[in-house]
Amino acid sequence: MKFERFSEAIAVLSHAADIFCRDAPRSMHVLFKCMKCQLFTRDYPGALNTILKMQTLIQDACETHGYEIELFLDDLHRIEVFRVLLVLTVLPPKSEELVGDGQLSLLAYTDDAKESAKTSVIDYMDRDLVLLLRSLVMSYQLEDVNGFELTATLLQPYVDYAQRKVLCDILTNLIHPPDDTL
């Protein structure tokens, strides 16, 4: 498919994902393309919404359609990294939602995190990646630019190009907050 505008592509891809909702792997593929278009246009809230939709789709596919979680492990890792990064782009460092109970919560990555009996995505992720994401979230909350930059550098082997671009935007916003006026 070739589109003149990203907005056209996003609309068509979102509709296609709704059509493929019973075929979770195909729907995931389409939603990833939709999310990449949203990232390219810097529609971070829209991309975060797509990521949350993907997490719900995986959970629903495993619970109701009999898919095994192992089928989605690679996608789960990418989705969780994107979710963490996009939450950091959407919410300010001192936001209460970062440590709340909702879908935007990054409580599992803070120093206040408690071991939960409930299984989460973190249980399936590489331990080094989880520690780096935890360090990234904590340095973001503290608005520690040097710590964030160092952690982002160490995170490079675990992220793809689109995730690096989001990381750079977060770092830019930490260094030069959008509220600053000259």
N, C-alpha and C. Protein backbone atom coordinates (compact mmCIF):
# COMPACT_ATOMS: atom_id res chain seq x y z
N MET A 1 0.83 -1.18 0.00
CA MET A 1 0.00 0.00 0.00
C MET A 1 0.87 1.24 0.00
N LYS A 2 0.41 2.22 -0.75
CA LYS A 2 1.12 3.48 -0.78
C LYS A 2 0.12 4.60 -0.49
N PHE A 3 0.48 5.48 0.42
CA PHE A 3 -0.42 6.54 0.83
C PHE A 3 0.27 7.88 0.65
N GLU A 4 -0.55 8.90 0.36
CA GLU A 4 -0.03 10.25 0.21
C GLU A 4 0.27 10.89 1.56
N ARG A 5 -0.54 10.55 2.57
CA ARG A 5 -0.38 11.15 3.89
C ARG A 5 -0.36 10.05 4.95
N PHE A 6 0.36 10.33 6.02
CA PHE A 6 0.40 9.37 7.12
C PHE A 6 -0.97 9.25 7.78
N SER A 7 -1.73 10.33 7.80
CA SER A 7 -3.06 10.26 8.42
C SER A 7 -3.95 9.26 7.70
N GLU A 8 -3.84 9.18 6.36
CA GLU A 8 -4.59 8.18 5.60
C GLU A 8 -4.14 6.78 5.98
N ALA A 9 -2.84 6.60 6.08
CA ALA A 9 -2.29 5.28 6.41
C ALA A 9 -2.73 4.84 7.80
N ILE A 10 -2.71 5.76 8.76
CA ILE A 10 -3.10 5.42 10.12
C ILE A 10 -4.56 4.99 10.17
N ALA A 11 -5.43 5.70 9.45
CA ALA A 11 -6.85 5.35 9.44
C ALA A 11 -7.07 3.97 8.82
N VAL A 12 -6.43 3.70 7.69
CA VAL A 12 -6.59 2.41 7.01
C VAL A 12 -6.01 1.28 7.85
N LEU A 13 -4.83 1.49 8.43
CA LEU A 13 -4.21 0.44 9.24
C LEU A 13 -5.02 0.16 10.51
N SER A 14 -5.57 1.19 11.11
CA SER A 14 -6.41 0.98 12.30
C SER A 14 -7.65 0.17 11.95
N HIS A 15 -8.24 0.48 10.80
CA HIS A 15 -9.42 -0.27 10.35
C HIS A 15 -9.04 -1.72 10.03
N ALA A 16 -7.90 -1.92 9.40
CA ALA A 16 -7.44 -3.29 9.09
C ALA A 16 -7.20 -4.09 10.36
N ALA A 17 -6.65 -3.46 11.37
CA ALA A 17 -6.41 -4.15 12.65
C ALA A 17 -7.73 -4.58 13.28
N ASP A 18 -8.75 -3.73 13.15
CA ASP A 18 -10.07 -4.11 13.68
C ASP A 18 -10.65 -5.30 12.92
N ILE A 19 -10.41 -5.35 11.62
CA ILE A 19 -10.90 -6.47 10.81
C ILE A 19 -10.20 -7.76 11.21
N PHE A 20 -8.90 -7.69 11.48
CA PHE A 20 -8.12 -8.89 11.82
C PHE A 20 -8.13 -9.21 13.31
N CYS A 21 -9.06 -8.66 14.07
CA CYS A 21 -9.00 -8.78 15.53
C CYS A 21 -8.98 -10.22 16.02
N ARG A 22 -9.53 -11.17 15.28
CA ARG A 22 -9.50 -12.57 15.72
C ARG A 22 -8.18 -13.26 15.36
N ASP A 23 -7.45 -12.68 14.44
CA ASP A 23 -6.14 -13.23 14.05
C ASP A 23 -5.08 -12.34 14.69
N ALA A 24 -4.75 -12.65 15.93
CA ALA A 24 -3.88 -11.79 16.73
C ALA A 24 -2.52 -11.51 16.10
N PRO A 25 -1.80 -12.52 15.57
CA PRO A 25 -0.49 -12.20 14.99
C PRO A 25 -0.58 -11.22 13.81
N ARG A 26 -1.56 -11.39 12.96
CA ARG A 26 -1.72 -10.48 11.81
C ARG A 26 -2.13 -9.09 12.30
N SER A 27 -3.02 -9.05 13.26
CA SER A 27 -3.45 -7.77 13.81
C SER A 27 -2.28 -7.04 14.48
N MET A 28 -1.42 -7.78 15.17
CA MET A 28 -0.23 -7.18 15.79
C MET A 28 0.67 -6.55 14.74
N HIS A 29 0.86 -7.25 13.63
CA HIS A 29 1.70 -6.75 12.54
C HIS A 29 1.15 -5.42 12.01
N VAL A 30 -0.16 -5.38 11.79
CA VAL A 30 -0.79 -4.17 11.28
C VAL A 30 -0.71 -3.03 12.30
N LEU A 31 -0.92 -3.35 13.57
CA LEU A 31 -0.85 -2.32 14.60
C LEU A 31 0.57 -1.77 14.77
N PHE A 32 1.58 -2.62 14.57
CA PHE A 32 2.96 -2.12 14.62
C PHE A 32 3.20 -1.11 13.50
N LYS A 33 2.67 -1.40 12.30
CA LYS A 33 2.82 -0.45 11.20
C LYS A 33 2.11 0.87 11.51
N CYS A 34 0.92 0.77 12.09
CA CYS A 34 0.16 1.96 12.47
C CYS A 34 0.94 2.78 13.50
N MET A 35 1.51 2.09 14.48
CA MET A 35 2.27 2.78 15.52
C MET A 35 3.51 3.47 14.93
N LYS A 36 4.16 2.82 13.98
CA LYS A 36 5.35 3.43 13.35
C LYS A 36 4.96 4.73 12.63
N CYS A 37 3.79 4.73 11.96
CA CYS A 37 3.32 5.96 11.32
C CYS A 37 3.07 7.05 12.36
N GLN A 38 2.47 6.67 13.48
CA GLN A 38 2.21 7.64 14.54
C GLN A 38 3.52 8.17 15.13
N LEU A 39 4.51 7.31 15.26
CA LEU A 39 5.81 7.76 15.77
C LEU A 39 6.47 8.71 14.78
N PHE A 40 6.35 8.41 13.50
CA PHE A 40 6.97 9.26 12.49
C PHE A 40 6.37 10.67 12.51
N THR A 41 5.07 10.76 12.78
CA THR A 41 4.41 12.07 12.85
C THR A 41 4.48 12.67 14.25
N ARG A 42 5.16 11.99 15.16
CA ARG A 42 5.33 12.40 16.56
C ARG A 42 4.00 12.53 17.30
N ASP A 43 3.08 11.66 16.93
CA ASP A 43 1.80 11.56 17.65
C ASP A 43 2.00 10.55 18.77
N TYR A 44 2.74 10.96 19.81
CA TYR A 44 3.08 10.04 20.89
C TYR A 44 1.87 9.57 21.70
N PRO A 45 0.89 10.43 21.99
CA PRO A 45 -0.30 9.90 22.68
C PRO A 45 -1.03 8.85 21.84
N GLY A 46 -1.11 9.06 20.52
CA GLY A 46 -1.75 8.08 19.64
C GLY A 46 -0.97 6.78 19.60
N ALA A 47 0.36 6.88 19.56
CA ALA A 47 1.20 5.68 19.55
C ALA A 47 1.07 4.92 20.87
N LEU A 48 0.99 5.65 21.97
CA LEU A 48 0.80 5.00 23.27
C LEU A 48 -0.55 4.29 23.32
N ASN A 49 -1.57 4.91 22.77
CA ASN A 49 -2.88 4.28 22.71
C ASN A 49 -2.83 2.98 21.89
N THR A 50 -2.10 3.00 20.79
CA THR A 50 -1.94 1.81 19.96
C THR A 50 -1.19 0.72 20.72
N ILE A 51 -0.16 1.10 21.46
CA ILE A 51 0.60 0.13 22.26
C ILE A 51 -0.30 -0.52 23.31
N LEU A 52 -1.11 0.29 23.98
CA LEU A 52 -2.02 -0.26 24.99
C LEU A 52 -3.04 -1.20 24.35
N LYS A 53 -3.46 -0.85 23.14
CA LYS A 53 -4.38 -1.72 22.39
C LYS A 53 -3.71 -3.06 22.07
N MET A 54 -2.43 -3.01 21.73
CA MET A 54 -1.68 -4.23 21.42
C MET A 54 -1.54 -5.11 22.66
N GLN A 55 -1.27 -4.51 23.80
CA GLN A 55 -1.17 -5.29 25.04
C GLN A 55 -2.49 -5.96 25.37
N THR A 56 -3.58 -5.24 25.19
CA THR A 56 -4.90 -5.81 25.43
C THR A 56 -5.19 -6.93 24.45
N LEU A 57 -4.79 -6.75 23.20
CA LEU A 57 -5.00 -7.78 22.17
C LEU A 57 -4.26 -9.06 22.52
N ILE A 58 -3.02 -8.95 22.98
CA ILE A 58 -2.25 -10.14 23.36
C ILE A 58 -2.89 -10.83 24.55
N GLN A 59 -3.28 -10.06 25.53
CA GLN A 59 -3.92 -10.64 26.71
C GLN A 59 -5.22 -11.35 26.33
N ASP A 60 -6.01 -10.73 25.48
CA ASP A 60 -7.27 -11.32 25.04
C ASP A 60 -7.03 -12.58 24.21
N ALA A 61 -6.02 -12.53 23.34
CA ALA A 61 -5.72 -13.69 22.49
C ALA A 61 -5.30 -14.89 23.32
N CYS A 62 -4.56 -14.65 24.38
CA CYS A 62 -4.12 -15.76 25.24
C CYS A 62 -5.25 -16.29 26.11
N GLU A 63 -6.10 -15.40 26.60
CA GLU A 63 -7.16 -15.82 27.51
C GLU A 63 -8.35 -16.44 26.80
N THR A 64 -8.76 -15.87 25.67
CA THR A 64 -10.01 -16.33 25.05
C THR A 64 -9.84 -17.14 23.77
N HIS A 65 -8.75 -16.93 23.06
CA HIS A 65 -8.59 -17.62 21.77
C HIS A 65 -7.59 -18.76 21.81
N GLY A 66 -7.02 -19.02 22.96
CA GLY A 66 -6.14 -20.18 23.11
C GLY A 66 -4.73 -20.01 22.59
N TYR A 67 -4.30 -18.80 22.30
CA TYR A 67 -2.92 -18.59 21.87
C TYR A 67 -1.99 -18.77 23.07
N GLU A 68 -0.81 -19.29 22.83
CA GLU A 68 0.20 -19.43 23.88
C GLU A 68 0.98 -18.12 23.98
N ILE A 69 1.35 -17.74 25.18
CA ILE A 69 2.08 -16.49 25.42
C ILE A 69 3.43 -16.50 24.71
N GLU A 70 4.02 -17.68 24.54
CA GLU A 70 5.33 -17.78 23.90
C GLU A 70 5.31 -17.26 22.46
N LEU A 71 4.14 -17.33 21.81
CA LEU A 71 4.00 -16.83 20.44
C LEU A 71 4.27 -15.33 20.37
N PHE A 72 4.00 -14.64 21.46
CA PHE A 72 4.08 -13.18 21.47
C PHE A 72 5.26 -12.63 22.27
N LEU A 73 6.19 -13.45 22.71
CA LEU A 73 7.25 -12.97 23.60
C LEU A 73 8.08 -11.85 22.98
N ASP A 74 8.50 -11.99 21.72
CA ASP A 74 9.28 -10.92 21.09
C ASP A 74 8.47 -9.64 21.00
N ASP A 75 7.20 -9.78 20.63
CA ASP A 75 6.34 -8.60 20.56
C ASP A 75 6.14 -7.99 21.94
N LEU A 76 5.99 -8.82 22.95
CA LEU A 76 5.81 -8.31 24.32
C LEU A 76 6.99 -7.47 24.77
N HIS A 77 8.19 -7.90 24.44
CA HIS A 77 9.39 -7.14 24.82
C HIS A 77 9.39 -5.78 24.13
N ARG A 78 9.16 -5.78 22.81
CA ARG A 78 9.15 -4.52 22.06
C ARG A 78 8.04 -3.60 22.55
N ILE A 79 6.87 -4.18 22.79
CA ILE A 79 5.73 -3.39 23.24
C ILE A 79 6.00 -2.76 24.60
N GLU A 80 6.58 -3.53 25.51
CA GLU A 80 6.83 -3.00 26.85
C GLU A 80 7.88 -1.89 26.82
N VAL A 81 8.92 -2.04 26.01
CA VAL A 81 9.91 -0.97 25.89
C VAL A 81 9.26 0.28 25.30
N PHE A 82 8.45 0.09 24.24
CA PHE A 82 7.73 1.23 23.66
C PHE A 82 6.79 1.86 24.69
N ARG A 83 6.08 1.03 25.46
CA ARG A 83 5.14 1.56 26.45
C ARG A 83 5.86 2.44 27.47
N VAL A 84 6.98 1.95 27.97
CA VAL A 84 7.75 2.73 28.96
C VAL A 84 8.21 4.04 28.34
N LEU A 85 8.78 3.98 27.15
CA LEU A 85 9.29 5.19 26.51
C LEU A 85 8.17 6.18 26.20
N LEU A 86 7.05 5.67 25.70
CA LEU A 86 5.95 6.57 25.34
C LEU A 86 5.28 7.17 26.56
N VAL A 87 5.20 6.42 27.65
CA VAL A 87 4.67 7.01 28.89
C VAL A 87 5.58 8.14 29.34
N LEU A 88 6.89 7.96 29.20
CA LEU A 88 7.83 9.02 29.59
C LEU A 88 7.69 10.24 28.69
N THR A 89 7.31 10.06 27.43
CA THR A 89 7.12 11.22 26.54
C THR A 89 5.83 11.95 26.84
N VAL A 90 4.82 11.22 27.28
CA VAL A 90 3.50 11.80 27.47
C VAL A 90 3.35 12.45 28.85
N LEU A 91 3.93 11.84 29.88
CA LEU A 91 3.76 12.34 31.24
C LEU A 91 4.98 13.13 31.71
N PRO A 92 4.78 14.19 32.47
CA PRO A 92 5.92 14.93 33.03
C PRO A 92 6.61 14.12 34.13
N PRO A 93 7.88 14.44 34.43
CA PRO A 93 8.65 13.66 35.40
C PRO A 93 8.02 13.54 36.78
N LYS A 94 7.35 14.54 37.24
CA LYS A 94 6.79 14.52 38.60
C LYS A 94 5.33 14.07 38.63
N SER A 95 4.84 13.49 37.55
CA SER A 95 3.43 13.08 37.47
C SER A 95 3.12 11.94 38.44
N GLU A 96 1.97 12.04 39.08
CA GLU A 96 1.51 10.98 39.99
C GLU A 96 1.09 9.73 39.23
N GLU A 97 0.72 9.90 37.94
CA GLU A 97 0.29 8.75 37.14
C GLU A 97 1.42 7.75 36.91
N LEU A 98 2.67 8.21 36.99
CA LEU A 98 3.80 7.31 36.80
C LEU A 98 3.84 6.21 37.85
N VAL A 99 3.39 6.52 39.04
CA VAL A 99 3.41 5.53 40.13
C VAL A 99 2.00 5.16 40.58
N GLY A 100 1.01 5.43 39.74
CA GLY A 100 -0.37 5.10 40.08
C GLY A 100 -0.69 3.65 39.74
N ASP A 101 -1.98 3.38 39.55
CA ASP A 101 -2.43 2.02 39.28
C ASP A 101 -2.89 1.79 37.85
N GLY A 102 -2.97 2.79 37.01
CA GLY A 102 -3.53 2.66 35.68
C GLY A 102 -2.57 2.02 34.68
N GLN A 103 -3.00 2.05 33.40
CA GLN A 103 -2.19 1.48 32.33
C GLN A 103 -0.92 2.29 32.09
N LEU A 104 -0.93 3.54 32.48
CA LEU A 104 0.24 4.39 32.29
C LEU A 104 1.23 4.27 33.44
N SER A 105 0.93 3.46 34.40
CA SER A 105 1.78 3.33 35.58
C SER A 105 3.10 2.64 35.25
N LEU A 106 4.16 3.18 35.80
CA LEU A 106 5.49 2.57 35.69
C LEU A 106 5.97 2.17 37.08
N LEU A 107 5.03 1.84 37.94
CA LEU A 107 5.34 1.49 39.32
C LEU A 107 6.31 0.31 39.40
N ALA A 108 6.20 -0.63 38.47
CA ALA A 108 7.09 -1.80 38.48
C ALA A 108 8.55 -1.41 38.25
N TYR A 109 8.78 -0.20 37.73
CA TYR A 109 10.14 0.24 37.43
C TYR A 109 10.67 1.26 38.43
N THR A 110 9.95 1.50 39.51
CA THR A 110 10.43 2.46 40.50
C THR A 110 11.05 1.74 41.68
N ASP A 111 11.72 2.48 42.52
CA ASP A 111 12.37 1.86 43.68
C ASP A 111 11.36 1.41 44.72
N ASP A 112 10.11 1.88 44.59
CA ASP A 112 9.06 1.47 45.52
C ASP A 112 8.38 0.18 45.07
N ALA A 113 8.84 -0.39 43.97
CA ALA A 113 8.18 -1.57 43.41
C ALA A 113 8.26 -2.74 44.39
N LYS A 114 7.14 -3.37 44.54
CA LYS A 114 7.07 -4.55 45.41
C LYS A 114 6.88 -5.77 44.53
N GLU A 115 7.41 -6.89 44.99
CA GLU A 115 7.22 -8.13 44.25
C GLU A 115 5.74 -8.49 44.27
N SER A 116 5.20 -8.72 43.11
CA SER A 116 3.79 -9.03 43.00
C SER A 116 3.59 -10.51 42.70
N ALA A 117 2.52 -11.06 43.23
CA ALA A 117 2.20 -12.46 42.95
C ALA A 117 1.62 -12.58 41.54
N LYS A 118 1.11 -11.48 41.01
CA LYS A 118 0.51 -11.47 39.68
C LYS A 118 1.61 -11.49 38.62
N THR A 119 1.42 -12.32 37.59
CA THR A 119 2.39 -12.41 36.51
C THR A 119 2.28 -11.16 35.64
N SER A 120 3.43 -10.61 35.28
CA SER A 120 3.43 -9.44 34.41
C SER A 120 4.43 -9.65 33.28
N VAL A 121 4.46 -8.70 32.38
CA VAL A 121 5.36 -8.76 31.23
C VAL A 121 6.81 -8.81 31.69
N ILE A 122 7.11 -8.14 32.79
CA ILE A 122 8.48 -8.07 33.30
C ILE A 122 9.03 -9.47 33.61
N ASP A 123 8.15 -10.38 34.01
CA ASP A 123 8.59 -11.75 34.32
C ASP A 123 9.16 -12.47 33.11
N TYR A 124 8.76 -12.05 31.91
CA TYR A 124 9.22 -12.69 30.68
C TYR A 124 10.39 -11.96 30.02
N MET A 125 10.78 -10.82 30.59
CA MET A 125 11.81 -9.99 29.96
C MET A 125 13.20 -10.32 30.50
N ASP A 126 14.20 -9.96 29.69
CA ASP A 126 15.60 -10.09 30.08
C ASP A 126 15.85 -9.23 31.33
N ARG A 127 16.51 -9.80 32.30
CA ARG A 127 16.74 -9.10 33.58
C ARG A 127 17.55 -7.81 33.40
N ASP A 128 18.54 -7.84 32.51
CA ASP A 128 19.34 -6.63 32.25
C ASP A 128 18.48 -5.52 31.67
N LEU A 129 17.58 -5.88 30.76
CA LEU A 129 16.69 -4.89 30.16
C LEU A 129 15.77 -4.28 31.21
N VAL A 130 15.24 -5.09 32.09
CA VAL A 130 14.37 -4.59 33.16
C VAL A 130 15.13 -3.62 34.06
N LEU A 131 16.37 -3.96 34.41
CA LEU A 131 17.17 -3.07 35.26
C LEU A 131 17.49 -1.75 34.56
N LEU A 132 17.77 -1.81 33.26
CA LEU A 132 18.03 -0.58 32.51
C LEU A 132 16.78 0.29 32.42
N LEU A 133 15.63 -0.34 32.18
CA LEU A 133 14.38 0.43 32.13
C LEU A 133 14.06 1.04 33.50
N ARG A 134 14.34 0.29 34.55
CA ARG A 134 14.12 0.81 35.91
C ARG A 134 15.02 2.03 36.14
N SER A 135 16.28 1.94 35.74
CA SER A 135 17.21 3.06 35.90
C SER A 135 16.76 4.26 35.06
N LEU A 136 16.26 3.99 33.86
CA LEU A 136 15.79 5.05 32.98
C LEU A 136 14.61 5.79 33.61
N VAL A 137 13.65 5.04 34.12
CA VAL A 137 12.46 5.65 34.74
C VAL A 137 12.85 6.45 35.98
N MET A 138 13.73 5.90 36.80
CA MET A 138 14.12 6.60 38.02
C MET A 138 14.89 7.88 37.71
N SER A 139 15.78 7.84 36.72
CA SER A 139 16.51 9.07 36.37
C SER A 139 15.57 10.09 35.73
N TYR A 140 14.54 9.62 35.03
CA TYR A 140 13.55 10.54 34.47
C TYR A 140 12.76 11.22 35.58
N GLN A 141 12.34 10.44 36.57
CA GLN A 141 11.58 11.01 37.69
C GLN A 141 12.40 12.03 38.47
N LEU A 142 13.70 11.77 38.60
CA LEU A 142 14.58 12.69 39.32
C LEU A 142 15.06 13.84 38.44
N GLU A 143 14.70 13.79 37.15
CA GLU A 143 15.14 14.77 36.17
C GLU A 143 16.66 14.86 36.11
N ASP A 144 17.29 13.70 36.22
CA ASP A 144 18.74 13.57 36.17
C ASP A 144 19.16 13.34 34.72
N VAL A 145 19.54 14.41 34.05
CA VAL A 145 19.87 14.34 32.62
C VAL A 145 21.07 13.43 32.38
N ASN A 146 22.12 13.56 33.19
CA ASN A 146 23.32 12.73 33.00
C ASN A 146 23.01 11.25 33.20
N GLY A 147 22.26 10.91 34.24
CA GLY A 147 21.88 9.53 34.49
C GLY A 147 21.01 8.97 33.38
N PHE A 148 20.08 9.80 32.88
CA PHE A 148 19.20 9.37 31.80
C PHE A 148 20.01 9.12 30.53
N GLU A 149 20.93 10.03 30.23
CA GLU A 149 21.75 9.89 29.03
C GLU A 149 22.64 8.65 29.11
N LEU A 150 23.24 8.40 30.25
CA LEU A 150 24.08 7.22 30.44
C LEU A 150 23.25 5.94 30.28
N THR A 151 22.08 5.91 30.91
CA THR A 151 21.22 4.73 30.81
C THR A 151 20.73 4.54 29.38
N ALA A 152 20.40 5.62 28.70
CA ALA A 152 19.97 5.52 27.30
C ALA A 152 21.09 4.95 26.43
N THR A 153 22.32 5.31 26.73
CA THR A 153 23.47 4.76 26.00
C THR A 153 23.60 3.26 26.25
N LEU A 154 23.45 2.85 27.49
CA LEU A 154 23.55 1.42 27.82
C LEU A 154 22.37 0.62 27.27
N LEU A 155 21.27 1.29 27.01
CA LEU A 155 20.06 0.64 26.50
C LEU A 155 20.11 0.39 24.99
N GLN A 156 21.08 0.98 24.30
CA GLN A 156 21.14 0.91 22.84
C GLN A 156 21.08 -0.50 22.24
N PRO A 157 21.75 -1.50 22.80
CA PRO A 157 21.66 -2.84 22.20
C PRO A 157 20.27 -3.47 22.27
N TYR A 158 19.42 -2.95 23.13
CA TYR A 158 18.09 -3.53 23.34
C TYR A 158 16.98 -2.84 22.55
N VAL A 159 17.29 -1.72 21.90
CA VAL A 159 16.24 -0.94 21.24
C VAL A 159 16.48 -0.85 19.74
N ASP A 160 15.40 -0.62 18.99
CA ASP A 160 15.51 -0.44 17.55
C ASP A 160 15.54 1.06 17.21
N TYR A 161 15.54 1.36 15.93
CA TYR A 161 15.68 2.74 15.48
C TYR A 161 14.54 3.63 16.00
N ALA A 162 13.31 3.15 15.90
CA ALA A 162 12.16 3.95 16.33
C ALA A 162 12.23 4.23 17.83
N GLN A 163 12.66 3.25 18.60
CA GLN A 163 12.78 3.44 20.05
C GLN A 163 13.92 4.41 20.37
N ARG A 164 15.00 4.37 19.58
CA ARG A 164 16.10 5.33 19.78
C ARG A 164 15.63 6.76 19.53
N LYS A 165 14.80 6.91 18.50
CA LYS A 165 14.28 8.23 18.17
C LYS A 165 13.43 8.77 19.33
N VAL A 166 12.60 7.91 19.91
CA VAL A 166 11.78 8.33 21.06
C VAL A 166 12.68 8.67 22.25
N LEU A 167 13.71 7.85 22.48
CA LEU A 167 14.68 8.14 23.56
C LEU A 167 15.32 9.51 23.37
N CYS A 168 15.71 9.83 22.15
CA CYS A 168 16.32 11.14 21.87
C CYS A 168 15.35 12.28 22.14
N ASP A 169 14.07 12.08 21.79
CA ASP A 169 13.07 13.11 22.06
C ASP A 169 12.84 13.30 23.56
N ILE A 170 12.85 12.20 24.31
CA ILE A 170 12.70 12.32 25.77
C ILE A 170 13.89 13.09 26.35
N LEU A 171 15.09 12.74 25.91
CA LEU A 171 16.29 13.42 26.40
C LEU A 171 16.26 14.91 26.05
N THR A 172 15.84 15.22 24.84
CA THR A 172 15.73 16.62 24.43
C THR A 172 14.74 17.37 25.32
N ASN A 173 13.61 16.72 25.63
CA ASN A 173 12.62 17.36 26.50
C ASN A 173 13.10 17.49 27.94
N LEU A 174 13.97 16.58 28.37
CA LEU A 174 14.55 16.71 29.71
C LEU A 174 15.53 17.89 29.77
N ILE A 175 16.33 18.01 28.73
CA ILE A 175 17.33 19.09 28.69
C ILE A 175 16.65 20.44 28.49
N HIS A 176 15.70 20.49 27.55
CA HIS A 176 14.98 21.72 27.23
C HIS A 176 13.48 21.45 27.38
N PRO A 177 12.95 21.56 28.58
CA PRO A 177 11.52 21.31 28.77
C PRO A 177 10.68 22.21 27.86
N PRO A 178 9.58 21.68 27.32
CA PRO A 178 8.77 22.45 26.38
C PRO A 178 8.18 23.72 27.00
N ASP A 179 8.10 23.82 28.31
CA ASP A 179 7.54 25.00 28.97
C ASP A 179 8.52 26.16 29.03
N ASP A 180 9.81 25.86 28.80
CA ASP A 180 10.83 26.91 28.90
C ASP A 180 10.61 27.99 27.84
N THR A 181 10.72 29.22 28.26
CA THR A 181 10.68 30.34 27.34
C THR A 181 11.99 31.10 27.47
N LEU A 182 12.47 31.55 26.37
CA LEU A 182 13.74 32.28 26.38
C LEU A 182 13.54 33.74 26.66
